[in-house]
């Protein structure tokens, strides 16, 4: 069973401090002719019904892309789970698909493959996994979840939990293996930005 794209909200996580890039806003850094977040939007938009952005700084520039922008409810910079909480709170569809603002190569079939696995396993959350040198590597900020998991996340955060994998392992979850590990590359540093700009 495929989940219709109209039932999925795409959440772009842009709420971090960008410390590894010298505390600049990673999503707004120029990459191959446009802000990095623009590449994420272009890859995500065909897969979802609507898009929202989670950002804790430069709200105006992010609003300039034409999508709602919401800061963390937890006071900012508490990590990706705080962004997920914000996304789920403002999600008006049955499902939320997440991707970070510094992942311009994300798969064009991310929603489709995660959705099929979620439905087949009757799970609450599906997370992308890659494999490099025989080692499985979960990619927890690339996940599709039912919007009904919000109370579970609220309780986890209220108890002081911040680790995304610890939270999703408390749910009915399924891992989905993607062959192309490069599609999940994050651009974290200025060196990464220069290197991938050329490649």
N, C-alpha and C. Protein backbone atom coordinates (compact mmCIF):
# COMPACT_ATOMS: atom_id res chain seq x y z
N UNK A 1 0.85 -1.19 0.00
CA UNK A 1 0.00 0.00 0.00
C UNK A 1 0.89 1.25 0.00
N UNK A 2 0.56 2.19 -0.86
CA UNK A 2 1.31 3.44 -0.90
C UNK A 2 0.50 4.53 -0.21
N UNK A 3 1.14 5.28 0.64
CA UNK A 3 0.48 6.41 1.31
C UNK A 3 0.44 7.58 0.33
N UNK A 4 -0.74 8.14 0.06
CA UNK A 4 -0.81 9.26 -0.89
C UNK A 4 0.04 10.44 -0.41
N UNK A 5 0.71 11.10 -1.35
CA UNK A 5 1.57 12.23 -0.97
C UNK A 5 0.77 13.33 -0.29
N UNK A 6 -0.51 13.45 -0.65
CA UNK A 6 -1.35 14.50 -0.05
C UNK A 6 -1.54 14.29 1.45
N UNK A 7 -1.28 13.05 1.91
CA UNK A 7 -1.44 12.72 3.33
C UNK A 7 -0.16 12.94 4.13
N UNK A 8 0.91 13.39 3.43
CA UNK A 8 2.22 13.54 4.07
C UNK A 8 2.63 15.01 4.10
N UNK A 9 3.04 15.48 5.27
CA UNK A 9 3.66 16.80 5.41
C UNK A 9 5.17 16.60 5.48
N UNK A 10 5.91 17.38 4.71
CA UNK A 10 7.37 17.33 4.76
C UNK A 10 7.89 18.37 5.74
N UNK A 11 8.73 17.93 6.68
CA UNK A 11 9.33 18.83 7.66
C UNK A 11 10.82 18.96 7.37
N UNK A 12 11.27 20.17 7.11
CA UNK A 12 12.71 20.41 6.92
C UNK A 12 13.28 20.94 8.22
N UNK A 13 14.25 20.21 8.75
CA UNK A 13 14.86 20.55 10.04
C UNK A 13 16.01 21.53 9.81
N UNK A 14 15.79 22.77 10.20
CA UNK A 14 16.82 23.81 10.03
C UNK A 14 17.03 24.54 11.35
N UNK A 15 16.80 23.81 12.46
CA UNK A 15 16.80 24.47 13.76
C UNK A 15 18.11 24.43 14.51
N UNK A 16 19.17 23.86 13.90
CA UNK A 16 20.44 23.73 14.62
C UNK A 16 21.25 25.02 14.59
N UNK A 17 22.34 24.98 15.36
CA UNK A 17 23.22 26.15 15.44
C UNK A 17 24.24 26.19 14.32
N UNK A 18 24.48 25.05 13.65
CA UNK A 18 25.49 25.01 12.59
C UNK A 18 26.90 25.23 13.12
N UNK A 19 27.17 24.70 14.32
CA UNK A 19 28.47 24.96 14.95
C UNK A 19 29.64 24.44 14.13
N UNK A 20 29.46 23.29 13.46
CA UNK A 20 30.59 22.74 12.70
C UNK A 20 30.88 23.55 11.44
N UNK A 21 29.97 24.44 11.08
CA UNK A 21 30.21 25.30 9.93
C UNK A 21 30.50 26.73 10.40
N UNK A 22 30.92 26.85 11.66
CA UNK A 22 31.27 28.18 12.18
C UNK A 22 30.06 28.97 12.62
N UNK A 23 29.04 28.27 13.11
CA UNK A 23 27.77 28.85 13.59
C UNK A 23 27.04 29.68 12.52
N UNK A 24 27.22 29.31 11.26
CA UNK A 24 26.38 29.92 10.22
C UNK A 24 25.15 29.05 10.04
N UNK A 25 24.13 29.60 9.43
CA UNK A 25 22.90 28.85 9.18
C UNK A 25 23.11 27.99 7.94
N UNK A 26 23.25 26.68 8.17
CA UNK A 26 23.64 25.78 7.07
C UNK A 26 22.66 25.83 5.90
N UNK A 27 21.37 25.83 6.21
CA UNK A 27 20.38 25.79 5.14
C UNK A 27 20.44 26.97 4.19
N UNK A 28 20.97 28.09 4.67
CA UNK A 28 21.01 29.31 3.85
C UNK A 28 22.35 29.49 3.12
N UNK A 29 23.28 28.54 3.32
CA UNK A 29 24.57 28.63 2.62
C UNK A 29 24.40 28.34 1.14
N UNK A 30 25.11 29.08 0.32
CA UNK A 30 24.99 28.91 -1.12
C UNK A 30 25.64 27.59 -1.55
N UNK A 31 24.91 26.84 -2.38
CA UNK A 31 25.40 25.55 -2.85
C UNK A 31 24.88 25.33 -4.27
N UNK A 32 25.78 25.20 -5.20
CA UNK A 32 25.41 24.96 -6.61
C UNK A 32 24.33 25.94 -7.08
N UNK A 33 24.54 27.21 -6.77
CA UNK A 33 23.69 28.24 -7.34
C UNK A 33 22.47 28.65 -6.54
N UNK A 34 22.31 28.09 -5.34
CA UNK A 34 21.15 28.49 -4.53
C UNK A 34 21.36 28.06 -3.09
N UNK A 35 20.54 28.57 -2.16
CA UNK A 35 20.66 28.15 -0.77
C UNK A 35 20.47 26.64 -0.64
N UNK A 36 21.22 26.02 0.25
CA UNK A 36 21.17 24.56 0.38
C UNK A 36 19.75 24.06 0.64
N UNK A 37 18.99 24.80 1.46
CA UNK A 37 17.63 24.36 1.77
C UNK A 37 16.75 24.32 0.51
N UNK A 38 17.09 25.15 -0.48
CA UNK A 38 16.31 25.14 -1.73
C UNK A 38 16.43 23.79 -2.44
N UNK A 39 17.60 23.20 -2.39
CA UNK A 39 17.80 21.87 -3.00
C UNK A 39 16.98 20.81 -2.26
N UNK A 40 16.92 20.95 -0.94
CA UNK A 40 16.12 20.01 -0.14
C UNK A 40 14.64 20.17 -0.48
N UNK A 41 14.19 21.42 -0.57
CA UNK A 41 12.78 21.69 -0.93
C UNK A 41 12.45 21.08 -2.29
N UNK A 42 13.34 21.26 -3.26
CA UNK A 42 13.05 20.76 -4.62
C UNK A 42 12.96 19.23 -4.66
N UNK A 43 13.73 18.57 -3.81
CA UNK A 43 13.68 17.10 -3.77
C UNK A 43 12.49 16.59 -2.96
N UNK A 44 12.13 17.35 -1.92
CA UNK A 44 11.06 16.90 -1.03
C UNK A 44 9.67 17.22 -1.56
N UNK A 45 9.53 18.38 -2.20
CA UNK A 45 8.20 18.87 -2.57
C UNK A 45 7.38 17.90 -3.43
N UNK A 46 7.98 17.23 -4.43
CA UNK A 46 7.17 16.30 -5.23
C UNK A 46 6.68 15.08 -4.44
N UNK A 47 7.26 14.85 -3.26
CA UNK A 47 6.95 13.64 -2.50
C UNK A 47 5.88 13.85 -1.44
N UNK A 48 5.52 15.13 -1.19
CA UNK A 48 4.62 15.43 -0.06
C UNK A 48 3.51 16.39 -0.48
N UNK A 49 2.49 16.49 0.37
CA UNK A 49 1.38 17.40 0.10
C UNK A 49 1.70 18.83 0.47
N UNK A 50 2.42 19.00 1.58
CA UNK A 50 2.81 20.35 2.00
C UNK A 50 4.15 20.29 2.72
N UNK A 51 4.76 21.46 2.90
CA UNK A 51 6.07 21.54 3.54
C UNK A 51 6.00 22.56 4.67
N UNK A 52 6.65 22.22 5.79
CA UNK A 52 6.88 23.20 6.84
C UNK A 52 8.37 23.17 7.20
N UNK A 53 8.87 24.29 7.71
CA UNK A 53 10.28 24.40 8.04
C UNK A 53 10.42 24.70 9.53
N UNK A 54 11.31 24.00 10.18
CA UNK A 54 11.62 24.27 11.59
C UNK A 54 12.95 25.03 11.63
N UNK A 55 12.91 26.27 12.11
CA UNK A 55 14.12 27.09 12.20
C UNK A 55 14.07 27.92 13.47
N UNK A 56 15.24 28.16 14.07
CA UNK A 56 15.32 28.95 15.30
C UNK A 56 16.02 30.28 15.11
N UNK A 57 16.49 30.53 13.90
CA UNK A 57 17.12 31.82 13.58
C UNK A 57 16.84 32.12 12.12
N UNK A 58 17.04 33.36 11.72
CA UNK A 58 16.80 33.76 10.32
C UNK A 58 15.42 33.34 9.83
N UNK A 59 14.42 33.55 10.67
CA UNK A 59 13.05 33.13 10.33
C UNK A 59 12.59 33.79 9.03
N UNK A 60 12.88 35.09 8.88
CA UNK A 60 12.46 35.84 7.68
C UNK A 60 12.97 35.23 6.40
N UNK A 61 14.30 34.99 6.28
CA UNK A 61 14.82 34.37 5.06
C UNK A 61 14.18 33.01 4.76
N UNK A 62 13.92 32.23 5.80
CA UNK A 62 13.28 30.93 5.56
C UNK A 62 11.83 31.11 5.09
N UNK A 63 11.14 32.10 5.66
CA UNK A 63 9.75 32.37 5.22
C UNK A 63 9.72 32.79 3.76
N UNK A 64 10.86 33.34 3.28
CA UNK A 64 10.95 33.77 1.89
C UNK A 64 10.79 32.64 0.88
N UNK A 65 10.91 31.38 1.34
CA UNK A 65 10.71 30.25 0.42
C UNK A 65 9.23 29.92 0.23
N UNK A 66 8.37 30.59 1.01
CA UNK A 66 6.93 30.46 0.79
C UNK A 66 6.26 29.37 1.61
N UNK A 67 6.94 28.88 2.65
CA UNK A 67 6.35 27.83 3.50
C UNK A 67 6.30 28.31 4.94
N UNK A 68 5.37 27.75 5.74
CA UNK A 68 5.33 28.14 7.16
C UNK A 68 6.64 27.77 7.86
N UNK A 69 7.10 28.65 8.73
CA UNK A 69 8.33 28.42 9.50
C UNK A 69 7.99 28.49 10.98
N UNK A 70 8.39 27.44 11.71
CA UNK A 70 8.07 27.37 13.13
C UNK A 70 9.34 27.12 13.94
N UNK A 71 9.61 27.91 14.99
CA UNK A 71 10.75 27.63 15.87
C UNK A 71 10.41 26.53 16.88
N UNK A 72 11.45 25.98 17.50
CA UNK A 72 11.25 24.98 18.55
C UNK A 72 10.35 25.53 19.65
N UNK A 73 9.52 24.64 20.20
CA UNK A 73 8.71 25.03 21.36
C UNK A 73 9.53 24.93 22.65
N UNK A 74 10.62 24.18 22.61
CA UNK A 74 11.41 23.91 23.82
C UNK A 74 12.40 25.01 24.14
N UNK A 75 12.37 26.11 23.42
CA UNK A 75 13.29 27.20 23.74
C UNK A 75 14.48 27.26 22.81
N UNK A 76 14.53 26.40 21.83
CA UNK A 76 15.56 26.52 20.79
C UNK A 76 16.81 25.71 21.02
N UNK A 77 17.32 25.16 19.91
CA UNK A 77 18.61 24.45 19.86
C UNK A 77 18.67 23.22 20.78
N UNK A 78 17.55 22.55 20.95
CA UNK A 78 17.52 21.35 21.79
C UNK A 78 17.71 20.08 20.95
N UNK A 79 18.05 20.23 19.68
CA UNK A 79 18.31 19.06 18.85
C UNK A 79 17.12 18.67 17.99
N UNK A 80 17.31 17.62 17.16
CA UNK A 80 16.28 17.27 16.17
C UNK A 80 14.94 16.86 16.75
N UNK A 81 14.92 16.28 17.97
CA UNK A 81 13.63 15.87 18.54
C UNK A 81 12.75 17.07 18.83
N UNK A 82 13.37 18.20 19.23
CA UNK A 82 12.59 19.42 19.45
C UNK A 82 11.97 19.89 18.14
N UNK A 83 12.74 19.74 17.05
CA UNK A 83 12.21 20.08 15.73
C UNK A 83 11.07 19.16 15.31
N UNK A 84 11.21 17.86 15.62
CA UNK A 84 10.14 16.90 15.31
C UNK A 84 8.88 17.25 16.08
N UNK A 85 9.05 17.63 17.35
CA UNK A 85 7.89 18.01 18.16
C UNK A 85 7.16 19.19 17.52
N UNK A 86 7.93 20.18 17.09
CA UNK A 86 7.35 21.35 16.44
C UNK A 86 6.61 20.94 15.17
N UNK A 87 7.26 20.09 14.36
CA UNK A 87 6.64 19.64 13.11
C UNK A 87 5.35 18.88 13.35
N UNK A 88 5.37 17.97 14.32
CA UNK A 88 4.16 17.17 14.61
C UNK A 88 3.04 18.05 15.15
N UNK A 89 3.41 19.06 15.94
CA UNK A 89 2.40 19.97 16.51
C UNK A 89 1.66 20.73 15.41
N UNK A 90 2.38 21.07 14.34
CA UNK A 90 1.78 21.87 13.27
C UNK A 90 1.39 21.03 12.04
N UNK A 91 1.55 19.72 12.15
CA UNK A 91 1.22 18.83 11.03
C UNK A 91 -0.29 18.62 10.96
N UNK A 92 -0.88 18.87 9.79
CA UNK A 92 -2.33 18.72 9.63
C UNK A 92 -2.68 17.51 8.78
N UNK A 93 -1.68 16.69 8.48
CA UNK A 93 -1.93 15.46 7.71
C UNK A 93 -1.67 14.25 8.62
N UNK A 94 -1.93 13.07 8.10
CA UNK A 94 -1.78 11.86 8.91
C UNK A 94 -0.34 11.44 9.13
N UNK A 95 0.58 11.97 8.30
CA UNK A 95 1.98 11.53 8.35
C UNK A 95 2.92 12.73 8.24
N UNK A 96 4.10 12.57 8.85
CA UNK A 96 5.15 13.59 8.78
C UNK A 96 6.43 12.92 8.29
N UNK A 97 7.03 13.52 7.25
CA UNK A 97 8.30 13.05 6.70
C UNK A 97 9.36 14.09 7.01
N UNK A 98 10.49 13.67 7.57
CA UNK A 98 11.51 14.64 7.99
C UNK A 98 12.79 14.51 7.18
N UNK A 99 13.44 15.65 6.99
CA UNK A 99 14.76 15.69 6.34
C UNK A 99 15.48 16.94 6.83
N UNK A 100 16.81 16.86 7.01
CA UNK A 100 17.56 18.04 7.45
C UNK A 100 17.84 19.00 6.30
N UNK A 101 18.09 20.27 6.65
CA UNK A 101 18.29 21.31 5.64
C UNK A 101 19.64 21.20 4.93
N UNK A 102 20.52 20.31 5.43
CA UNK A 102 21.87 20.20 4.84
C UNK A 102 22.05 18.89 4.08
N UNK A 103 20.94 18.37 3.53
CA UNK A 103 21.00 17.09 2.81
C UNK A 103 20.46 17.26 1.38
N UNK A 104 21.22 17.96 0.52
CA UNK A 104 20.69 18.31 -0.80
C UNK A 104 20.57 17.14 -1.77
N UNK A 105 21.04 15.94 -1.37
CA UNK A 105 20.99 14.79 -2.30
C UNK A 105 19.93 13.77 -1.90
N UNK A 106 19.02 14.11 -1.01
CA UNK A 106 18.10 13.11 -0.45
C UNK A 106 17.31 12.38 -1.55
N UNK A 107 16.99 11.09 -1.31
CA UNK A 107 16.39 10.26 -2.37
C UNK A 107 15.03 10.78 -2.85
N UNK A 108 14.81 10.65 -4.14
CA UNK A 108 13.53 11.08 -4.73
C UNK A 108 12.39 10.13 -4.36
N UNK A 109 12.74 8.93 -3.87
CA UNK A 109 11.70 7.96 -3.49
C UNK A 109 11.67 7.74 -1.98
N UNK A 110 12.14 8.72 -1.21
CA UNK A 110 12.20 8.58 0.25
C UNK A 110 10.80 8.33 0.84
N UNK A 111 9.85 9.18 0.49
CA UNK A 111 8.49 9.05 1.04
C UNK A 111 7.85 7.74 0.61
N UNK A 112 8.02 7.40 -0.65
CA UNK A 112 7.38 6.19 -1.19
C UNK A 112 7.90 4.93 -0.49
N UNK A 113 9.21 4.81 -0.36
CA UNK A 113 9.78 3.60 0.22
C UNK A 113 9.53 3.50 1.72
N UNK A 114 9.66 4.63 2.42
CA UNK A 114 9.36 4.60 3.85
C UNK A 114 7.88 4.33 4.09
N UNK A 115 7.03 4.92 3.24
CA UNK A 115 5.58 4.72 3.38
C UNK A 115 5.16 3.29 3.16
N UNK A 116 5.72 2.64 2.14
CA UNK A 116 5.39 1.24 1.87
C UNK A 116 5.79 0.35 3.04
N UNK A 117 6.98 0.59 3.58
CA UNK A 117 7.46 -0.22 4.70
C UNK A 117 6.63 0.02 5.96
N UNK A 118 6.28 1.27 6.20
CA UNK A 118 5.48 1.62 7.37
C UNK A 118 4.13 0.90 7.32
N UNK A 119 3.49 0.96 6.14
CA UNK A 119 2.18 0.33 5.99
C UNK A 119 2.28 -1.20 6.11
N UNK A 120 3.30 -1.78 5.45
CA UNK A 120 3.45 -3.24 5.45
C UNK A 120 3.70 -3.78 6.85
N UNK A 121 4.46 -3.04 7.65
CA UNK A 121 4.81 -3.49 9.00
C UNK A 121 3.79 -3.03 10.04
N UNK A 122 2.79 -2.26 9.59
CA UNK A 122 1.83 -1.66 10.52
C UNK A 122 2.57 -0.93 11.64
N UNK A 123 3.60 -0.19 11.24
CA UNK A 123 4.45 0.51 12.19
C UNK A 123 3.96 1.95 12.39
N UNK A 124 4.53 2.58 13.41
CA UNK A 124 4.23 3.99 13.66
C UNK A 124 5.27 4.90 13.03
N UNK A 125 6.47 4.34 12.79
CA UNK A 125 7.57 5.14 12.27
C UNK A 125 8.47 4.27 11.41
N UNK A 126 8.90 4.82 10.28
CA UNK A 126 9.86 4.13 9.40
C UNK A 126 11.08 5.02 9.28
N UNK A 127 12.26 4.41 9.44
CA UNK A 127 13.51 5.18 9.41
C UNK A 127 14.43 4.64 8.33
N UNK A 128 15.11 5.54 7.63
CA UNK A 128 16.06 5.13 6.59
C UNK A 128 17.33 4.59 7.24
N UNK A 129 17.89 3.55 6.59
CA UNK A 129 19.15 2.95 7.05
C UNK A 129 20.04 2.79 5.83
N UNK A 130 21.34 3.06 5.98
CA UNK A 130 22.30 2.81 4.90
C UNK A 130 23.31 1.77 5.39
N UNK A 131 24.08 1.28 4.45
CA UNK A 131 25.09 0.27 4.80
C UNK A 131 26.40 0.65 4.14
N UNK A 132 27.44 0.80 4.95
CA UNK A 132 28.76 1.10 4.42
C UNK A 132 29.77 0.15 5.04
N UNK A 133 30.53 -0.52 4.18
CA UNK A 133 31.52 -1.51 4.62
C UNK A 133 30.90 -2.53 5.55
N UNK A 134 29.69 -2.98 5.16
CA UNK A 134 29.01 -4.03 5.92
C UNK A 134 28.39 -3.59 7.23
N UNK A 135 28.44 -2.30 7.53
CA UNK A 135 27.88 -1.80 8.78
C UNK A 135 26.61 -1.02 8.52
N UNK A 136 25.53 -1.43 9.18
CA UNK A 136 24.26 -0.70 9.03
C UNK A 136 24.30 0.59 9.82
N UNK A 137 23.85 1.66 9.17
CA UNK A 137 23.89 2.97 9.81
C UNK A 137 22.50 3.61 9.73
N UNK A 138 21.76 3.66 10.84
CA UNK A 138 20.47 4.36 10.80
C UNK A 138 20.68 5.84 10.48
N UNK A 139 19.71 6.39 9.75
CA UNK A 139 19.72 7.82 9.40
C UNK A 139 18.48 8.44 10.04
N UNK A 140 18.52 8.64 11.37
CA UNK A 140 17.27 8.92 12.10
C UNK A 140 16.57 10.22 11.76
N UNK A 141 17.30 11.18 11.14
CA UNK A 141 16.59 12.42 10.79
C UNK A 141 15.88 12.30 9.44
N UNK A 142 15.99 11.12 8.81
CA UNK A 142 15.21 10.83 7.60
C UNK A 142 14.19 9.77 7.98
N UNK A 143 13.02 10.21 8.42
CA UNK A 143 12.03 9.23 8.84
C UNK A 143 10.61 9.70 8.51
N UNK A 144 9.74 8.73 8.43
CA UNK A 144 8.32 8.98 8.18
C UNK A 144 7.57 8.43 9.38
N UNK A 145 6.68 9.25 9.94
CA UNK A 145 5.96 8.80 11.14
C UNK A 145 4.50 9.19 11.05
N UNK A 146 3.67 8.46 11.78
CA UNK A 146 2.28 8.85 11.92
C UNK A 146 2.23 10.07 12.83
N UNK A 147 1.37 11.01 12.51
CA UNK A 147 1.29 12.22 13.34
C UNK A 147 0.74 11.91 14.73
N UNK A 148 0.17 10.73 14.89
CA UNK A 148 -0.38 10.33 16.19
C UNK A 148 0.70 9.99 17.22
N UNK A 149 1.99 10.02 16.85
CA UNK A 149 3.06 9.72 17.82
C UNK A 149 3.41 10.94 18.69
N UNK A 150 2.77 12.08 18.45
CA UNK A 150 3.12 13.30 19.18
C UNK A 150 3.04 13.13 20.70
N UNK A 151 1.97 12.54 21.28
CA UNK A 151 1.93 12.40 22.74
C UNK A 151 3.12 11.62 23.29
N UNK A 152 3.54 10.59 22.57
CA UNK A 152 4.71 9.80 22.98
C UNK A 152 5.97 10.66 23.00
N UNK A 153 6.12 11.50 21.97
CA UNK A 153 7.30 12.37 21.90
C UNK A 153 7.26 13.44 22.99
N UNK A 154 6.08 14.02 23.21
CA UNK A 154 5.95 15.02 24.27
C UNK A 154 6.38 14.45 25.62
N UNK A 155 5.93 13.21 25.91
CA UNK A 155 6.25 12.57 27.19
C UNK A 155 7.75 12.30 27.29
N UNK A 156 8.35 11.85 26.19
CA UNK A 156 9.79 11.55 26.16
C UNK A 156 10.61 12.81 26.44
N UNK A 157 10.23 13.92 25.78
CA UNK A 157 10.94 15.19 25.97
C UNK A 157 10.73 15.74 27.38
N UNK A 158 9.53 15.56 27.88
CA UNK A 158 9.22 16.05 29.23
C UNK A 158 10.07 15.34 30.28
N UNK A 159 10.38 14.08 30.01
CA UNK A 159 11.22 13.29 30.93
C UNK A 159 12.70 13.58 30.74
N UNK A 160 13.03 14.53 29.86
CA UNK A 160 14.43 14.90 29.66
C UNK A 160 15.12 14.15 28.53
N UNK A 161 14.40 13.30 27.81
CA UNK A 161 14.99 12.55 26.69
C UNK A 161 15.33 13.48 25.53
N UNK A 162 16.48 13.24 24.90
CA UNK A 162 16.88 14.06 23.75
C UNK A 162 17.40 13.20 22.58
N UNK A 163 17.65 11.92 22.81
CA UNK A 163 18.25 11.08 21.76
C UNK A 163 17.15 10.53 20.85
N UNK A 164 17.25 10.87 19.57
CA UNK A 164 16.20 10.53 18.62
C UNK A 164 16.03 9.02 18.46
N UNK A 165 17.16 8.26 18.44
CA UNK A 165 17.02 6.81 18.24
C UNK A 165 16.41 6.14 19.48
N UNK A 166 16.71 6.67 20.65
CA UNK A 166 16.12 6.10 21.87
C UNK A 166 14.61 6.29 21.85
N UNK A 167 14.17 7.46 21.36
CA UNK A 167 12.72 7.70 21.30
C UNK A 167 12.06 6.78 20.29
N UNK A 168 12.58 6.73 19.05
CA UNK A 168 11.83 5.96 18.04
C UNK A 168 11.86 4.46 18.34
N UNK A 169 12.88 4.00 19.08
CA UNK A 169 12.91 2.58 19.45
C UNK A 169 11.84 2.23 20.48
N UNK A 170 11.22 3.24 21.07
CA UNK A 170 10.12 2.98 22.00
C UNK A 170 8.79 2.80 21.26
N UNK A 171 8.80 3.05 19.95
CA UNK A 171 7.60 2.93 19.11
C UNK A 171 7.64 1.63 18.31
N UNK A 172 6.55 1.34 17.62
CA UNK A 172 6.60 0.27 16.60
C UNK A 172 7.29 0.87 15.38
N UNK A 173 8.52 0.47 15.13
CA UNK A 173 9.27 1.09 14.03
C UNK A 173 9.81 0.04 13.08
N UNK A 174 10.12 0.50 11.88
CA UNK A 174 10.69 -0.38 10.86
C UNK A 174 11.85 0.36 10.20
N UNK A 175 12.92 -0.38 9.91
CA UNK A 175 14.08 0.20 9.24
C UNK A 175 14.01 -0.13 7.75
N UNK A 176 14.37 0.83 6.91
CA UNK A 176 14.30 0.65 5.46
C UNK A 176 15.70 0.89 4.89
N UNK A 177 16.26 -0.14 4.27
CA UNK A 177 17.62 -0.05 3.75
C UNK A 177 17.63 0.64 2.39
N UNK A 178 18.44 1.70 2.28
CA UNK A 178 18.66 2.40 1.02
C UNK A 178 20.08 2.11 0.55
N UNK A 179 20.22 1.74 -0.72
CA UNK A 179 21.53 1.35 -1.25
C UNK A 179 22.50 2.52 -1.38
N UNK A 180 21.97 3.69 -1.71
CA UNK A 180 22.84 4.82 -2.02
C UNK A 180 23.11 5.65 -0.76
N UNK A 181 24.19 5.32 -0.06
CA UNK A 181 24.53 6.05 1.18
C UNK A 181 24.81 7.52 0.89
N UNK A 182 25.31 7.82 -0.32
CA UNK A 182 25.65 9.20 -0.66
C UNK A 182 24.43 10.12 -0.66
N UNK A 183 23.25 9.54 -0.89
CA UNK A 183 22.02 10.35 -0.92
C UNK A 183 21.72 10.97 0.45
N UNK A 184 22.32 10.39 1.50
CA UNK A 184 22.05 10.87 2.85
C UNK A 184 23.20 11.70 3.42
N UNK A 185 24.13 12.07 2.54
CA UNK A 185 25.27 12.88 2.99
C UNK A 185 24.79 14.22 3.54
N UNK A 186 25.30 14.55 4.73
CA UNK A 186 25.06 15.89 5.28
C UNK A 186 26.25 16.77 4.94
N UNK A 187 25.99 18.01 4.66
CA UNK A 187 27.07 18.97 4.43
C UNK A 187 27.23 19.77 5.72
N UNK A 188 28.22 19.38 6.53
CA UNK A 188 28.35 19.92 7.88
C UNK A 188 29.38 21.03 8.02
N UNK A 189 30.39 21.01 7.13
CA UNK A 189 31.50 21.95 7.29
C UNK A 189 31.70 22.75 6.00
N UNK A 190 32.47 23.81 6.10
CA UNK A 190 32.78 24.60 4.91
C UNK A 190 33.55 23.75 3.90
N UNK A 191 34.43 22.86 4.40
CA UNK A 191 35.17 21.96 3.51
C UNK A 191 34.22 21.04 2.73
N UNK A 192 33.21 20.50 3.43
CA UNK A 192 32.20 19.66 2.77
C UNK A 192 31.52 20.45 1.66
N UNK A 193 31.17 21.68 1.99
CA UNK A 193 30.46 22.55 1.05
C UNK A 193 31.29 22.72 -0.23
N UNK A 194 32.57 23.00 -0.07
CA UNK A 194 33.45 23.20 -1.24
C UNK A 194 33.62 21.90 -2.03
N UNK A 195 33.80 20.79 -1.27
CA UNK A 195 34.06 19.50 -1.92
C UNK A 195 32.87 19.05 -2.78
N UNK A 196 31.66 19.14 -2.18
CA UNK A 196 30.47 18.68 -2.90
C UNK A 196 30.03 19.67 -3.97
N UNK A 197 30.41 20.92 -3.83
CA UNK A 197 30.12 21.92 -4.85
C UNK A 197 30.74 21.50 -6.18
N UNK A 198 31.95 20.93 -6.10
CA UNK A 198 32.68 20.53 -7.32
C UNK A 198 32.23 19.18 -7.85
N UNK A 199 31.86 18.25 -6.95
CA UNK A 199 31.65 16.85 -7.39
C UNK A 199 30.37 16.66 -8.18
